[in-house]
PDB file of all heavy atoms in Angstrom:
ATOM      1  N   LYS A   1       1.638   0.235  -2.897  1.00  0.00           N
ATOM      2  CA  LYS A   1       1.408  -1.027  -3.603  1.00  0.00           C
ATOM      3  C   LYS A   1       1.059  -2.100  -2.591  1.00  0.00           C
ATOM      4  O   LYS A   1       1.645  -2.196  -1.509  1.00  0.00           O
ATOM      5  CB  LYS A   1       2.615  -1.433  -4.426  1.00  0.00           C
ATOM      6  CG  LYS A   1       2.809  -0.559  -5.664  1.00  0.00           C
ATOM      7  CD  LYS A   1       3.940  -1.077  -6.533  1.00  0.00           C
ATOM      8  CE  LYS A   1       4.103  -0.211  -7.784  1.00  0.00           C
ATOM      9  NZ  LYS A   1       2.956  -0.384  -8.730  1.00  0.00           N
ATOM     10  N   ILE A   2       0.083  -2.931  -2.952  1.00  0.00           N
ATOM     11  CA  ILE A   2      -0.323  -4.071  -2.147  1.00  0.00           C
ATOM     12  C   ILE A   2       0.184  -5.319  -2.842  1.00  0.00           C
ATOM     13  O   ILE A   2      -0.143  -5.568  -4.024  1.00  0.00           O
ATOM     14  CB  ILE A   2      -1.855  -4.124  -1.983  1.00  0.00           C
ATOM     15  CG1 ILE A   2      -2.384  -2.797  -1.429  1.00  0.00           C
ATOM     16  CG2 ILE A   2      -2.259  -5.287  -1.063  1.00  0.00           C
ATOM     17  CD1 ILE A   2      -3.911  -2.711  -1.389  1.00  0.00           C
ATOM     18  N   TRP A   3       0.980  -6.129  -2.117  1.00  0.00           N
ATOM     19  CA  TRP A   3       1.647  -7.278  -2.706  1.00  0.00           C
ATOM     20  C   TRP A   3       1.166  -8.576  -2.047  1.00  0.00           C
ATOM     21  O   TRP A   3       0.837  -8.602  -0.877  1.00  0.00           O
ATOM     22  CB  TRP A   3       3.166  -7.204  -2.500  1.00  0.00           C
ATOM     23  CG  TRP A   3       3.799  -5.912  -2.928  1.00  0.00           C
ATOM     24  CD1 TRP A   3       3.871  -4.753  -2.234  1.00  0.00           C
ATOM     25  CD2 TRP A   3       4.466  -5.684  -4.172  1.00  0.00           C
ATOM     26  NE1 TRP A   3       4.560  -3.801  -2.941  1.00  0.00           N
ATOM     27  CE2 TRP A   3       4.949  -4.349  -4.138  1.00  0.00           C
ATOM     28  CE3 TRP A   3       4.769  -6.473  -5.276  1.00  0.00           C
ATOM     29  CZ2 TRP A   3       5.669  -3.773  -5.175  1.00  0.00           C
ATOM     30  CZ3 TRP A   3       5.484  -5.905  -6.325  1.00  0.00           C
ATOM     31  CH2 TRP A   3       5.918  -4.575  -6.268  1.00  0.00           C
ATOM     32  N   ASN A   4       1.145  -9.619  -2.856  1.00  0.00           N
ATOM     33  CA  ASN A   4       1.054 -10.962  -2.284  1.00  0.00           C
ATOM     34  C   ASN A   4       2.483 -11.354  -1.950  1.00  0.00           C
ATOM     35  O   ASN A   4       3.277 -11.633  -2.844  1.00  0.00           O
ATOM     36  CB  ASN A   4       0.438 -11.930  -3.298  1.00  0.00           C
ATOM     37  CG  ASN A   4       0.282 -13.343  -2.738  1.00  0.00           C
ATOM     38  OD1 ASN A   4       1.090 -13.802  -1.927  1.00  0.00           O
ATOM     39  ND2 ASN A   4      -0.741 -14.031  -3.193  1.00  0.00           N
ATOM     40  N   TYR A   5       2.825 -11.345  -0.660  1.00  0.00           N
ATOM     41  CA  TYR A   5       4.218 -11.571  -0.326  1.00  0.00           C
ATOM     42  C   TYR A   5       4.646 -13.032  -0.434  1.00  0.00           C
ATOM     43  O   TYR A   5       5.831 -13.350  -0.397  1.00  0.00           O
ATOM     44  CB  TYR A   5       4.561 -11.019   1.075  1.00  0.00           C
ATOM     45  CG  TYR A   5       4.055 -11.808   2.243  1.00  0.00           C
ATOM     46  CD1 TYR A   5       4.722 -12.973   2.682  1.00  0.00           C
ATOM     47  CD2 TYR A   5       2.954 -11.374   2.975  1.00  0.00           C
ATOM     48  CE1 TYR A   5       4.290 -13.677   3.779  1.00  0.00           C
ATOM     49  CE2 TYR A   5       2.521 -12.085   4.072  1.00  0.00           C
ATOM     50  CZ  TYR A   5       3.187 -13.230   4.487  1.00  0.00           C
ATOM     51  OH  TYR A   5       2.745 -13.930   5.570  1.00  0.00           O
ATOM     52  N   ARG A   6       3.655 -13.928  -0.649  1.00  0.00           N
ATOM     53  CA  ARG A   6       4.012 -15.328  -0.832  1.00  0.00           C
ATOM     54  C   ARG A   6       4.621 -15.593  -2.198  1.00  0.00           C
ATOM     55  O   ARG A   6       5.554 -16.370  -2.346  1.00  0.00           O
ATOM     56  CB  ARG A   6       2.801 -16.218  -0.606  1.00  0.00           C
ATOM     57  CG  ARG A   6       2.236 -16.111   0.802  1.00  0.00           C
ATOM     58  CD  ARG A   6       0.958 -16.923   0.957  1.00  0.00           C
ATOM     59  NE  ARG A   6       0.282 -16.661   2.228  1.00  0.00           N
ATOM     60  CZ  ARG A   6       0.524 -17.334   3.332  1.00  0.00           C
ATOM     61  NH1 ARG A   6       1.408 -18.324   3.334  1.00  0.00           N
ATOM     62  NH2 ARG A   6      -0.120 -17.045   4.447  1.00  0.00           N
ATOM     63  N   ASP A   7       4.063 -14.938  -3.234  1.00  0.00           N
ATOM     64  CA  ASP A   7       4.592 -15.155  -4.594  1.00  0.00           C
ATOM     65  C   ASP A   7       5.175 -13.890  -5.223  1.00  0.00           C
ATOM     66  O   ASP A   7       5.685 -13.940  -6.345  1.00  0.00           O
ATOM     67  CB  ASP A   7       3.508 -15.745  -5.498  1.00  0.00           C
ATOM     68  CG  ASP A   7       2.304 -14.823  -5.660  1.00  0.00           C
ATOM     69  OD1 ASP A   7       2.415 -13.616  -5.379  1.00  0.00           O
ATOM     70  OD2 ASP A   7       1.236 -15.347  -6.079  1.00  0.00           O
ATOM     71  N   GLY A   8       5.141 -12.751  -4.526  1.00  0.00           N
ATOM     72  CA  GLY A   8       5.779 -11.546  -4.995  1.00  0.00           C
ATOM     73  C   GLY A   8       5.001 -10.750  -6.024  1.00  0.00           C
ATOM     74  O   GLY A   8       5.551  -9.790  -6.593  1.00  0.00           O
ATOM     75  N   THR A   9       3.745 -11.107  -6.275  1.00  0.00           N
ATOM     76  CA  THR A   9       2.970 -10.380  -7.290  1.00  0.00           C
ATOM     77  C   THR A   9       2.308  -9.152  -6.677  1.00  0.00           C
ATOM     78  O   THR A   9       1.917  -9.130  -5.509  1.00  0.00           O
ATOM     79  CB  THR A   9       1.889 -11.278  -7.900  1.00  0.00           C
ATOM     80  OG1 THR A   9       1.015 -11.763  -6.845  1.00  0.00           O
ATOM     81  CG2 THR A   9       2.514 -12.452  -8.610  1.00  0.00           C
ATOM     82  N   CYS A  10       2.200  -8.093  -7.479  1.00  0.00           N
ATOM     83  CA  CYS A  10       1.511  -6.860  -7.050  1.00  0.00           C
ATOM     84  C   CYS A  10       0.018  -7.044  -7.280  1.00  0.00           C
ATOM     85  O   CYS A  10      -0.444  -7.255  -8.399  1.00  0.00           O
ATOM     86  CB  CYS A  10       2.043  -5.662  -7.842  1.00  0.00           C
ATOM     87  SG  CYS A  10       1.256  -4.104  -7.349  1.00  0.00           S
ATOM     88  N   ILE A  11      -0.752  -6.929  -6.201  1.00  0.00           N
ATOM     89  CA  ILE A  11      -2.204  -7.103  -6.273  1.00  0.00           C
ATOM     90  C   ILE A  11      -2.884  -5.824  -6.735  1.00  0.00           C
ATOM     91  O   ILE A  11      -3.813  -5.835  -7.535  1.00  0.00           O
ATOM     92  CB  ILE A  11      -2.760  -7.539  -4.908  1.00  0.00           C
ATOM     93  CG1 ILE A  11      -2.110  -8.845  -4.441  1.00  0.00           C
ATOM     94  CG2 ILE A  11      -4.288  -7.669  -4.940  1.00  0.00           C
ATOM     95  CD1 ILE A  11      -2.441  -9.189  -2.996  1.00  0.00           C
ATOM     96  N   ARG A  12      -2.420  -4.684  -6.218  1.00  0.00           N
ATOM     97  CA  ARG A  12      -3.092  -3.431  -6.492  1.00  0.00           C
ATOM     98  C   ARG A  12      -2.149  -2.276  -6.242  1.00  0.00           C
ATOM     99  O   ARG A  12      -1.272  -2.335  -5.367  1.00  0.00           O
ATOM    100  CB  ARG A  12      -4.343  -3.310  -5.620  1.00  0.00           C
ATOM    101  CG  ARG A  12      -5.207  -2.102  -5.946  1.00  0.00           C
ATOM    102  CD  ARG A  12      -6.529  -2.203  -5.216  1.00  0.00           C
ATOM    103  NE  ARG A  12      -7.495  -1.233  -5.700  1.00  0.00           N
ATOM    104  CZ  ARG A  12      -8.780  -1.430  -5.851  1.00  0.00           C
ATOM    105  NH1 ARG A  12      -9.278  -2.631  -5.579  1.00  0.00           N
ATOM    106  NH2 ARG A  12      -9.579  -0.487  -6.295  1.00  0.00           N
ATOM    107  N   THR A  13      -2.347  -1.185  -6.991  1.00  0.00           N
ATOM    108  CA  THR A  13      -1.611   0.060  -6.766  1.00  0.00           C
ATOM    109  C   THR A  13      -2.616   1.160  -6.416  1.00  0.00           C
ATOM    110  O   THR A  13      -3.570   1.375  -7.162  1.00  0.00           O
ATOM    111  CB  THR A  13      -0.803   0.477  -7.994  1.00  0.00           C
ATOM    112  OG1 THR A  13       0.160  -0.539  -8.300  1.00  0.00           O
ATOM    113  CG2 THR A  13      -0.079   1.782  -7.761  1.00  0.00           C
ATOM    114  N   LEU A  14      -2.376   1.831  -5.305  1.00  0.00           N
ATOM    115  CA  LEU A  14      -3.243   2.930  -4.862  1.00  0.00           C
ATOM    116  C   LEU A  14      -2.530   4.256  -5.131  1.00  0.00           C
ATOM    117  O   LEU A  14      -1.403   4.457  -4.687  1.00  0.00           O
ATOM    118  CB  LEU A  14      -3.555   2.818  -3.347  1.00  0.00           C
ATOM    119  CG  LEU A  14      -4.188   1.521  -2.852  1.00  0.00           C
ATOM    120  CD1 LEU A  14      -4.319   1.563  -1.347  1.00  0.00           C
ATOM    121  CD2 LEU A  14      -5.540   1.297  -3.512  1.00  0.00           C
ATOM    122  N   ARG A  15      -3.187   5.125  -5.843  1.00  0.00           N
ATOM    123  CA  ARG A  15      -2.664   6.483  -6.022  1.00  0.00           C
ATOM    124  C   ARG A  15      -3.171   7.292  -4.814  1.00  0.00           C
ATOM    125  O   ARG A  15      -4.314   7.746  -4.757  1.00  0.00           O
ATOM    126  CB  ARG A  15      -3.181   7.088  -7.328  1.00  0.00           C
ATOM    127  CG  ARG A  15      -2.960   8.591  -7.483  1.00  0.00           C
ATOM    128  CD  ARG A  15      -1.534   9.008  -7.344  1.00  0.00           C
ATOM    129  NE  ARG A  15      -0.660   8.496  -8.392  1.00  0.00           N
ATOM    130  CZ  ARG A  15       0.630   8.775  -8.470  1.00  0.00           C
ATOM    131  NH1 ARG A  15       1.196   9.544  -7.555  1.00  0.00           N
ATOM    132  NH2 ARG A  15       1.370   8.244  -9.428  1.00  0.00           N
ATOM    133  N   VAL A  16      -2.302   7.454  -3.807  1.00  0.00           N
ATOM    134  CA  VAL A  16      -2.713   8.057  -2.534  1.00  0.00           C
ATOM    135  C   VAL A  16      -2.622   9.582  -2.576  1.00  0.00           C
ATOM    136  O   VAL A  16      -3.576  10.270  -2.213  1.00  0.00           O
ATOM    137  CB  VAL A  16      -1.864   7.511  -1.368  1.00  0.00           C
ATOM    138  CG1 VAL A  16      -2.336   8.074  -0.039  1.00  0.00           C
ATOM    139  CG2 VAL A  16      -1.905   5.974  -1.344  1.00  0.00           C
ATOM    140  N   PHE A  17      -1.470  10.081  -3.005  1.00  0.00           N
ATOM    141  CA  PHE A  17      -1.249  11.535  -3.021  1.00  0.00           C
ATOM    142  C   PHE A  17      -0.829  11.973  -4.424  1.00  0.00           C
ATOM    143  O   PHE A  17       0.016  11.341  -5.052  1.00  0.00           O
ATOM    144  CB  PHE A  17      -0.164  11.938  -2.026  1.00  0.00           C
ATOM    145  CG  PHE A  17      -0.432  11.524  -0.609  1.00  0.00           C
ATOM    146  CD1 PHE A  17       0.406  10.642   0.043  1.00  0.00           C
ATOM    147  CD2 PHE A  17      -1.537  12.010   0.070  1.00  0.00           C
ATOM    148  CE1 PHE A  17       0.178  10.270   1.352  1.00  0.00           C
ATOM    149  CE2 PHE A  17      -1.798  11.645   1.381  1.00  0.00           C
ATOM    150  CZ  PHE A  17      -0.957  10.762   2.028  1.00  0.00           C
ATOM    151  N   ASP A  18      -1.394  13.079  -4.884  1.00  0.00           N
ATOM    152  CA  ASP A  18      -0.985  13.673  -6.168  1.00  0.00           C
ATOM    153  C   ASP A  18       0.049  14.746  -5.984  1.00  0.00           C
ATOM    154  O   ASP A  18       0.694  15.145  -6.961  1.00  0.00           O
ATOM    155  CB  ASP A  18      -2.219  14.253  -6.882  1.00  0.00           C
ATOM    156  CG  ASP A  18      -3.178  13.170  -7.336  1.00  0.00           C
ATOM    157  OD1 ASP A  18      -2.705  12.091  -7.756  1.00  0.00           O
ATOM    158  OD2 ASP A  18      -4.413  13.386  -7.236  1.00  0.00           O
ATOM    159  N   ASN A  19       0.198  15.252  -4.767  1.00  0.00           N
ATOM    160  CA  ASN A  19       1.086  16.397  -4.539  1.00  0.00           C
ATOM    161  C   ASN A  19       2.137  16.094  -3.462  1.00  0.00           C
ATOM    162  O   ASN A  19       2.459  16.953  -2.640  1.00  0.00           O
ATOM    163  CB  ASN A  19       0.282  17.629  -4.127  1.00  0.00           C
ATOM    164  CG  ASN A  19      -0.569  17.396  -2.898  1.00  0.00           C
ATOM    165  OD1 ASN A  19      -0.840  16.242  -2.513  1.00  0.00           O
ATOM    166  ND2 ASN A  19      -0.983  18.462  -2.238  1.00  0.00           N
ATOM    167  N   GLY A  20       2.660  14.888  -3.468  1.00  0.00           N
ATOM    168  CA  GLY A  20       3.711  14.537  -2.506  1.00  0.00           C
ATOM    169  C   GLY A  20       3.827  13.042  -2.343  1.00  0.00           C
ATOM    170  O   GLY A  20       2.955  12.272  -2.774  1.00  0.00           O
ATOM    171  N   GLY A  21       4.914  12.620  -1.709  1.00  0.00           N
ATOM    172  CA  GLY A  21       5.170  11.204  -1.557  1.00  0.00           C
ATOM    173  C   GLY A  21       4.582  10.610  -0.289  1.00  0.00           C
ATOM    174  O   GLY A  21       4.083  11.310   0.585  1.00  0.00           O
ATOM    175  N   VAL A  22       4.659   9.286  -0.230  1.00  0.00           N
ATOM    176  CA  VAL A  22       4.255   8.552   0.965  1.00  0.00           C
ATOM    177  C   VAL A  22       5.454   8.480   1.912  1.00  0.00           C
ATOM    178  O   VAL A  22       6.523   8.029   1.529  1.00  0.00           O
ATOM    179  CB  VAL A  22       3.786   7.129   0.604  1.00  0.00           C
ATOM    180  CG1 VAL A  22       3.537   6.288   1.843  1.00  0.00           C
ATOM    181  CG2 VAL A  22       2.531   7.187  -0.254  1.00  0.00           C
ATOM    182  N   ILE A  23       5.259   8.897   3.147  1.00  0.00           N
ATOM    183  CA  ILE A  23       6.346   8.911   4.131  1.00  0.00           C
ATOM    184  C   ILE A  23       6.189   7.786   5.151  1.00  0.00           C
ATOM    185  O   ILE A  23       7.184   7.224   5.620  1.00  0.00           O
ATOM    186  CB  ILE A  23       6.394  10.281   4.853  1.00  0.00           C
ATOM    187  CG1 ILE A  23       6.567  11.415   3.840  1.00  0.00           C
ATOM    188  CG2 ILE A  23       7.521  10.316   5.898  1.00  0.00           C
ATOM    189  CD1 ILE A  23       7.822  11.310   2.992  1.00  0.00           C
ATOM    190  N   SER A  24       4.950   7.444   5.509  1.00  0.00           N
ATOM    191  CA  SER A  24       4.735   6.432   6.548  1.00  0.00           C
ATOM    192  C   SER A  24       3.431   5.704   6.272  1.00  0.00           C
ATOM    193  O   SER A  24       2.533   6.229   5.566  1.00  0.00           O
ATOM    194  CB  SER A  24       4.676   7.096   7.929  1.00  0.00           C
ATOM    195  OG  SER A  24       3.684   8.126   7.949  1.00  0.00           O
ATOM    196  N   LEU A  25       3.316   4.481   6.799  1.00  0.00           N
ATOM    197  CA  LEU A  25       2.053   3.749   6.680  1.00  0.00           C
ATOM    198  C   LEU A  25       1.957   2.715   7.802  1.00  0.00           C
ATOM    199  O   LEU A  25       2.954   2.304   8.375  1.00  0.00           O
ATOM    200  CB  LEU A  25       1.886   3.110   5.312  1.00  0.00           C
ATOM    201  CG  LEU A  25       2.953   2.164   4.758  1.00  0.00           C
ATOM    202  CD1 LEU A  25       2.798   0.747   5.285  1.00  0.00           C
ATOM    203  CD2 LEU A  25       2.868   2.150   3.230  1.00  0.00           C
ATOM    204  N   HIS A  26       0.726   2.342   8.101  1.00  0.00           N
ATOM    205  CA  HIS A  26       0.458   1.304   9.110  1.00  0.00           C
ATOM    206  C   HIS A  26      -0.847   0.602   8.731  1.00  0.00           C
ATOM    207  O   HIS A  26      -1.824   1.248   8.390  1.00  0.00           O
ATOM    208  CB  HIS A  26       0.330   1.917  10.505  1.00  0.00           C
ATOM    209  CG  HIS A  26       0.255   0.900  11.599  1.00  0.00           C
ATOM    210  ND1 HIS A  26      -0.518   1.064  12.725  1.00  0.00           N
ATOM    211  CD2 HIS A  26       0.844  -0.327  11.743  1.00  0.00           C
ATOM    212  CE1 HIS A  26      -0.386   0.023  13.515  1.00  0.00           C
ATOM    213  NE2 HIS A  26       0.450  -0.836  12.935  1.00  0.00           N
ATOM    214  N   HIS A  27      -0.824  -0.728   8.791  1.00  0.00           N
ATOM    215  CA  HIS A  27      -2.001  -1.529   8.479  1.00  0.00           C
ATOM    216  C   HIS A  27      -2.363  -2.363   9.685  1.00  0.00           C
ATOM    217  O   HIS A  27      -1.498  -2.981  10.323  1.00  0.00           O
ATOM    218  CB  HIS A  27      -1.710  -2.440   7.288  1.00  0.00           C
ATOM    219  CG  HIS A  27      -2.837  -3.384   6.983  1.00  0.00           C
ATOM    220  ND1 HIS A  27      -2.848  -4.703   7.410  1.00  0.00           N
ATOM    221  CD2 HIS A  27      -4.016  -3.222   6.340  1.00  0.00           C
ATOM    222  CE1 HIS A  27      -3.950  -5.295   7.031  1.00  0.00           C
ATOM    223  NE2 HIS A  27      -4.672  -4.421   6.371  1.00  0.00           N
ATOM    224  N   GLN A  28      -3.647  -2.382  10.002  1.00  0.00           N
ATOM    225  CA  GLN A  28      -4.128  -3.199  11.127  1.00  0.00           C
ATOM    226  C   GLN A  28      -5.588  -3.541  10.912  1.00  0.00           C
ATOM    227  O   GLN A  28      -6.421  -2.654  10.714  1.00  0.00           O
ATOM    228  CB  GLN A  28      -3.947  -2.431  12.444  1.00  0.00           C
ATOM    229  CG  GLN A  28      -4.361  -3.204  13.682  1.00  0.00           C
ATOM    230  CD  GLN A  28      -3.999  -2.490  14.973  1.00  0.00           C
ATOM    231  OE1 GLN A  28      -2.810  -2.354  15.300  1.00  0.00           O
ATOM    232  NE2 GLN A  28      -4.995  -1.981  15.686  1.00  0.00           N
ATOM    233  N   ARG A  29      -5.890  -4.818  10.968  1.00  0.00           N
ATOM    234  CA  ARG A  29      -7.262  -5.323  10.901  1.00  0.00           C
ATOM    235  C   ARG A  29      -8.069  -4.690   9.765  1.00  0.00           C
ATOM    236  O   ARG A  29      -9.196  -4.224   9.962  1.00  0.00           O
ATOM    237  CB  ARG A  29      -7.971  -5.136  12.245  1.00  0.00           C
ATOM    238  CG  ARG A  29      -7.414  -6.008  13.354  1.00  0.00           C
ATOM    239  CD  ARG A  29      -8.313  -5.977  14.574  1.00  0.00           C
ATOM    240  NE  ARG A  29      -8.297  -4.685  15.212  1.00  0.00           N
ATOM    241  CZ  ARG A  29      -7.435  -4.318  16.148  1.00  0.00           C
ATOM    242  NH1 ARG A  29      -6.491  -5.166  16.535  1.00  0.00           N
ATOM    243  NH2 ARG A  29      -7.499  -3.124  16.705  1.00  0.00           N
ATOM    244  N   GLY A  30      -7.493  -4.652   8.572  1.00  0.00           N
ATOM    245  CA  GLY A  30      -8.232  -4.178   7.398  1.00  0.00           C
ATOM    246  C   GLY A  30      -8.227  -2.681   7.202  1.00  0.00           C
ATOM    247  O   GLY A  30      -8.803  -2.197   6.220  1.00  0.00           O
ATOM    248  N   THR A  31      -7.582  -1.934   8.100  1.00  0.00           N
ATOM    249  CA  THR A  31      -7.469  -0.492   7.931  1.00  0.00           C
ATOM    250  C   THR A  31      -6.028  -0.129   7.580  1.00  0.00           C
ATOM    251  O   THR A  31      -5.096  -0.551   8.274  1.00  0.00           O
ATOM    252  CB  THR A  31      -7.882   0.266   9.221  1.00  0.00           C
ATOM    253  OG1 THR A  31      -9.242  -0.027   9.501  1.00  0.00           O
ATOM    254  CG2 THR A  31      -7.735   1.772   9.035  1.00  0.00           C
ATOM    255  N   LEU A  32      -5.851   0.610   6.512  1.00  0.00           N
ATOM    256  CA  LEU A  32      -4.538   1.092   6.106  1.00  0.00           C
ATOM    257  C   LEU A  32      -4.485   2.605   6.266  1.00  0.00           C
ATOM    258  O   LEU A  32      -5.350   3.314   5.767  1.00  0.00           O
ATOM    259  CB  LEU A  32      -4.276   0.732   4.642  1.00  0.00           C
ATOM    260  CG  LEU A  32      -2.971   1.294   4.020  1.00  0.00           C
ATOM    261  CD1 LEU A  32      -1.755   0.654   4.660  1.00  0.00           C
ATOM    262  CD2 LEU A  32      -2.972   1.093   2.510  1.00  0.00           C
ATOM    263  N   VAL A  33      -3.460   3.085   6.988  1.00  0.00           N
ATOM    264  CA  VAL A  33      -3.292   4.519   7.193  1.00  0.00           C
ATOM    265  C   VAL A  33      -1.968   4.931   6.551  1.00  0.00           C
ATOM    266  O   VAL A  33      -0.939   4.290   6.734  1.00  0.00           O
ATOM    267  CB  VAL A  33      -3.281   4.871   8.687  1.00  0.00           C
ATOM    268  CG1 VAL A  33      -3.099   6.372   8.878  1.00  0.00           C
ATOM    269  CG2 VAL A  33      -4.572   4.414   9.354  1.00  0.00           C
TER     270      VAL A  33
END
């Protein structure tokens, strides 16, 4: 989920994996891994 952390609203939800959970992530300069 991508949030506006200033007001707490959810901007977007990404369905990343259909066969397992998200374990780790890193965002830098417009790239999300």
